[in-house]
């Protein structure tokens, strides 16, 4: 078995950077789309996240944005 060492601080830092980027994107999306109909905002939101390299279930997120409800992102 290979001897693999992890730099846990570096990994933690990467996740923190990802979280900051997602938070910033979420803020931009909510400023523009909160309160608008889900069917109107789903595609533009999907494109914004895809352009940022983020994959997510857009339908659930768009519903949360439309209703101004929280959404929990899961980073894998």
N, C-alpha and C. Protein backbone atom coordinates (compact mmCIF):
# COMPACT_ATOMS: atom_id res chain seq x y z
N UNK A 1 0.84 -1.18 0.00
CA UNK A 1 0.00 0.00 0.00
C UNK A 1 0.89 1.25 0.00
N UNK A 2 0.51 2.22 -0.77
CA UNK A 2 1.29 3.45 -0.89
C UNK A 2 1.22 4.27 0.39
N UNK A 3 2.28 4.93 0.68
CA UNK A 3 2.33 5.83 1.83
C UNK A 3 1.89 7.21 1.35
N UNK A 4 0.70 7.61 1.72
CA UNK A 4 0.14 8.89 1.27
C UNK A 4 0.03 9.82 2.46
N UNK A 5 0.57 11.01 2.28
CA UNK A 5 0.50 12.02 3.34
C UNK A 5 -0.38 13.17 2.85
N UNK A 6 -1.20 13.67 3.73
CA UNK A 6 -2.08 14.78 3.40
C UNK A 6 -1.66 16.01 4.19
N UNK A 7 -1.69 17.13 3.53
CA UNK A 7 -1.48 18.39 4.21
C UNK A 7 -2.88 18.89 4.57
N UNK A 8 -3.32 18.57 5.77
CA UNK A 8 -4.70 18.88 6.15
C UNK A 8 -4.98 20.38 6.17
N UNK A 9 -3.99 21.18 6.50
CA UNK A 9 -4.19 22.63 6.49
C UNK A 9 -4.42 23.14 5.06
N UNK A 10 -3.69 22.58 4.12
CA UNK A 10 -3.88 22.99 2.72
C UNK A 10 -5.25 22.57 2.21
N UNK A 11 -5.66 21.36 2.57
CA UNK A 11 -6.99 20.89 2.16
C UNK A 11 -8.07 21.75 2.79
N UNK A 12 -7.92 22.06 4.06
CA UNK A 12 -8.88 22.93 4.75
C UNK A 12 -8.94 24.30 4.06
N UNK A 13 -7.78 24.81 3.69
CA UNK A 13 -7.72 26.10 3.00
C UNK A 13 -8.42 26.07 1.65
N UNK A 14 -8.27 24.96 0.93
CA UNK A 14 -8.95 24.83 -0.37
C UNK A 14 -10.47 24.84 -0.17
N UNK A 15 -10.95 24.11 0.81
CA UNK A 15 -12.39 24.09 1.07
C UNK A 15 -12.89 25.47 1.50
N UNK A 16 -12.10 26.20 2.26
CA UNK A 16 -12.50 27.54 2.66
C UNK A 16 -12.59 28.47 1.45
N UNK A 17 -11.66 28.34 0.53
CA UNK A 17 -11.71 29.16 -0.69
C UNK A 17 -12.93 28.82 -1.54
N UNK A 18 -13.23 27.53 -1.64
CA UNK A 18 -14.42 27.09 -2.39
C UNK A 18 -15.67 27.66 -1.72
N UNK A 19 -15.73 27.58 -0.41
CA UNK A 19 -16.90 28.10 0.33
C UNK A 19 -17.07 29.60 0.11
N UNK A 20 -15.97 30.35 0.12
CA UNK A 20 -16.04 31.79 -0.12
C UNK A 20 -16.56 32.09 -1.52
N UNK A 21 -16.09 31.33 -2.51
CA UNK A 21 -16.53 31.55 -3.89
C UNK A 21 -18.02 31.23 -4.04
N UNK A 22 -18.47 30.15 -3.41
CA UNK A 22 -19.89 29.78 -3.49
C UNK A 22 -20.74 30.82 -2.76
N UNK A 23 -20.28 31.29 -1.61
CA UNK A 23 -21.02 32.33 -0.88
C UNK A 23 -21.17 33.59 -1.73
N UNK A 24 -20.10 33.99 -2.39
CA UNK A 24 -20.15 35.19 -3.23
C UNK A 24 -21.11 34.99 -4.40
N UNK A 25 -21.06 33.83 -5.02
CA UNK A 25 -21.96 33.53 -6.13
C UNK A 25 -23.41 33.50 -5.65
N UNK A 26 -23.64 32.87 -4.50
CA UNK A 26 -24.98 32.81 -3.92
C UNK A 26 -25.52 34.21 -3.64
N UNK A 27 -24.67 35.08 -3.13
CA UNK A 27 -25.09 36.46 -2.85
C UNK A 27 -25.49 37.17 -4.13
N UNK A 28 -24.69 37.02 -5.19
CA UNK A 28 -25.02 37.64 -6.47
C UNK A 28 -26.34 37.12 -7.03
N UNK A 29 -26.51 35.80 -6.97
CA UNK A 29 -27.74 35.18 -7.49
C UNK A 29 -28.95 35.70 -6.73
N UNK A 30 -28.86 35.72 -5.41
CA UNK A 30 -30.00 36.14 -4.59
C UNK A 30 -30.34 37.62 -4.80
N UNK A 31 -29.34 38.46 -5.00
CA UNK A 31 -29.61 39.87 -5.27
C UNK A 31 -30.42 40.04 -6.55
N UNK A 32 -30.11 39.22 -7.54
CA UNK A 32 -30.76 39.36 -8.84
C UNK A 32 -32.08 38.60 -8.97
N UNK A 33 -32.20 37.45 -8.30
CA UNK A 33 -33.32 36.56 -8.60
C UNK A 33 -34.29 36.27 -7.47
N UNK A 34 -34.03 36.70 -6.24
CA UNK A 34 -34.95 36.41 -5.14
C UNK A 34 -36.33 36.99 -5.45
N UNK A 35 -37.34 36.14 -5.23
CA UNK A 35 -38.72 36.56 -5.43
C UNK A 35 -39.25 36.37 -6.84
N UNK A 36 -38.40 36.00 -7.77
CA UNK A 36 -38.85 35.78 -9.14
C UNK A 36 -39.28 34.33 -9.32
N UNK A 37 -40.11 34.04 -10.30
CA UNK A 37 -40.61 32.67 -10.51
C UNK A 37 -39.48 31.68 -10.82
N UNK A 38 -39.61 30.49 -10.25
CA UNK A 38 -38.60 29.44 -10.42
C UNK A 38 -38.35 29.16 -11.90
N UNK A 39 -39.41 29.04 -12.67
CA UNK A 39 -39.23 28.70 -14.09
C UNK A 39 -38.49 29.78 -14.87
N UNK A 40 -38.50 30.99 -14.36
CA UNK A 40 -37.81 32.11 -15.00
C UNK A 40 -36.33 32.16 -14.62
N UNK A 41 -35.99 31.69 -13.44
CA UNK A 41 -34.62 31.85 -12.94
C UNK A 41 -33.76 30.60 -13.00
N UNK A 42 -34.36 29.44 -13.22
CA UNK A 42 -33.60 28.20 -13.18
C UNK A 42 -32.46 28.17 -14.20
N UNK A 43 -32.74 28.48 -15.43
CA UNK A 43 -31.71 28.42 -16.47
C UNK A 43 -30.60 29.45 -16.27
N UNK A 44 -30.93 30.72 -15.98
CA UNK A 44 -29.84 31.67 -15.74
C UNK A 44 -28.96 31.28 -14.54
N UNK A 45 -29.58 30.72 -13.50
CA UNK A 45 -28.81 30.28 -12.34
C UNK A 45 -27.92 29.11 -12.72
N UNK A 46 -28.46 28.16 -13.47
CA UNK A 46 -27.66 27.00 -13.90
C UNK A 46 -26.43 27.48 -14.66
N UNK A 47 -26.64 28.45 -15.54
CA UNK A 47 -25.53 28.97 -16.35
C UNK A 47 -24.50 29.68 -15.47
N UNK A 48 -24.95 30.48 -14.51
CA UNK A 48 -24.01 31.19 -13.64
C UNK A 48 -23.11 30.20 -12.87
N UNK A 49 -23.73 29.15 -12.33
CA UNK A 49 -22.95 28.18 -11.58
C UNK A 49 -22.06 27.35 -12.50
N UNK A 50 -22.57 26.97 -13.66
CA UNK A 50 -21.76 26.20 -14.61
C UNK A 50 -20.55 27.02 -15.07
N UNK A 51 -20.76 28.30 -15.34
CA UNK A 51 -19.66 29.17 -15.74
C UNK A 51 -18.59 29.27 -14.66
N UNK A 52 -19.02 29.11 -13.40
CA UNK A 52 -18.08 29.16 -12.27
C UNK A 52 -17.49 27.78 -11.96
N UNK A 53 -17.92 26.76 -12.72
CA UNK A 53 -17.40 25.42 -12.51
C UNK A 53 -18.04 24.68 -11.35
N UNK A 54 -19.24 25.10 -10.96
CA UNK A 54 -19.93 24.49 -9.82
C UNK A 54 -21.10 23.66 -10.32
N UNK A 55 -21.17 22.42 -9.87
CA UNK A 55 -22.29 21.55 -10.20
C UNK A 55 -23.22 21.49 -8.99
N UNK A 56 -24.52 21.64 -9.22
CA UNK A 56 -25.49 21.51 -8.15
C UNK A 56 -26.86 21.21 -8.73
N UNK A 57 -27.76 20.78 -7.85
CA UNK A 57 -29.14 20.53 -8.26
C UNK A 57 -29.81 21.90 -8.37
N UNK A 58 -29.86 22.43 -9.55
CA UNK A 58 -30.34 23.79 -9.77
C UNK A 58 -31.80 23.96 -9.40
N UNK A 59 -32.62 22.94 -9.62
CA UNK A 59 -34.05 23.09 -9.34
C UNK A 59 -34.31 23.36 -7.86
N UNK A 60 -33.63 22.63 -6.98
CA UNK A 60 -33.82 22.85 -5.54
C UNK A 60 -33.26 24.21 -5.13
N UNK A 61 -32.13 24.56 -5.66
CA UNK A 61 -31.52 25.85 -5.32
C UNK A 61 -32.37 27.01 -5.85
N UNK A 62 -32.85 26.92 -7.08
CA UNK A 62 -33.69 27.97 -7.66
C UNK A 62 -34.95 28.17 -6.83
N UNK A 63 -35.55 27.08 -6.36
CA UNK A 63 -36.74 27.19 -5.51
C UNK A 63 -36.41 27.92 -4.21
N UNK A 64 -35.26 27.62 -3.63
CA UNK A 64 -34.84 28.29 -2.40
C UNK A 64 -34.62 29.79 -2.65
N UNK A 65 -34.00 30.12 -3.77
CA UNK A 65 -33.77 31.53 -4.11
C UNK A 65 -35.09 32.24 -4.34
N UNK A 66 -35.96 31.64 -5.11
CA UNK A 66 -37.25 32.26 -5.43
C UNK A 66 -38.04 32.57 -4.16
N UNK A 67 -37.96 31.67 -3.18
CA UNK A 67 -38.72 31.83 -1.94
C UNK A 67 -37.91 32.48 -0.82
N UNK A 68 -36.69 32.92 -1.14
CA UNK A 68 -35.78 33.53 -0.18
C UNK A 68 -35.58 32.64 1.06
N UNK A 69 -35.33 31.36 0.78
CA UNK A 69 -35.09 30.39 1.84
C UNK A 69 -33.63 29.96 1.80
N UNK A 70 -33.13 29.48 2.92
CA UNK A 70 -31.73 29.01 2.93
C UNK A 70 -31.55 27.77 2.07
N UNK A 71 -30.34 27.55 1.66
CA UNK A 71 -29.98 26.36 0.89
C UNK A 71 -28.63 25.88 1.39
N UNK A 72 -28.50 24.60 1.63
CA UNK A 72 -27.24 24.05 2.11
C UNK A 72 -26.47 23.45 0.94
N UNK A 73 -25.31 24.02 0.67
CA UNK A 73 -24.43 23.49 -0.37
C UNK A 73 -23.61 22.36 0.24
N UNK A 74 -23.37 21.33 -0.56
CA UNK A 74 -22.53 20.21 -0.14
C UNK A 74 -21.36 20.13 -1.09
N UNK A 75 -20.18 20.31 -0.55
CA UNK A 75 -18.95 20.25 -1.35
C UNK A 75 -18.38 18.85 -1.22
N UNK A 76 -18.14 18.23 -2.39
CA UNK A 76 -17.61 16.86 -2.38
C UNK A 76 -16.29 16.83 -3.09
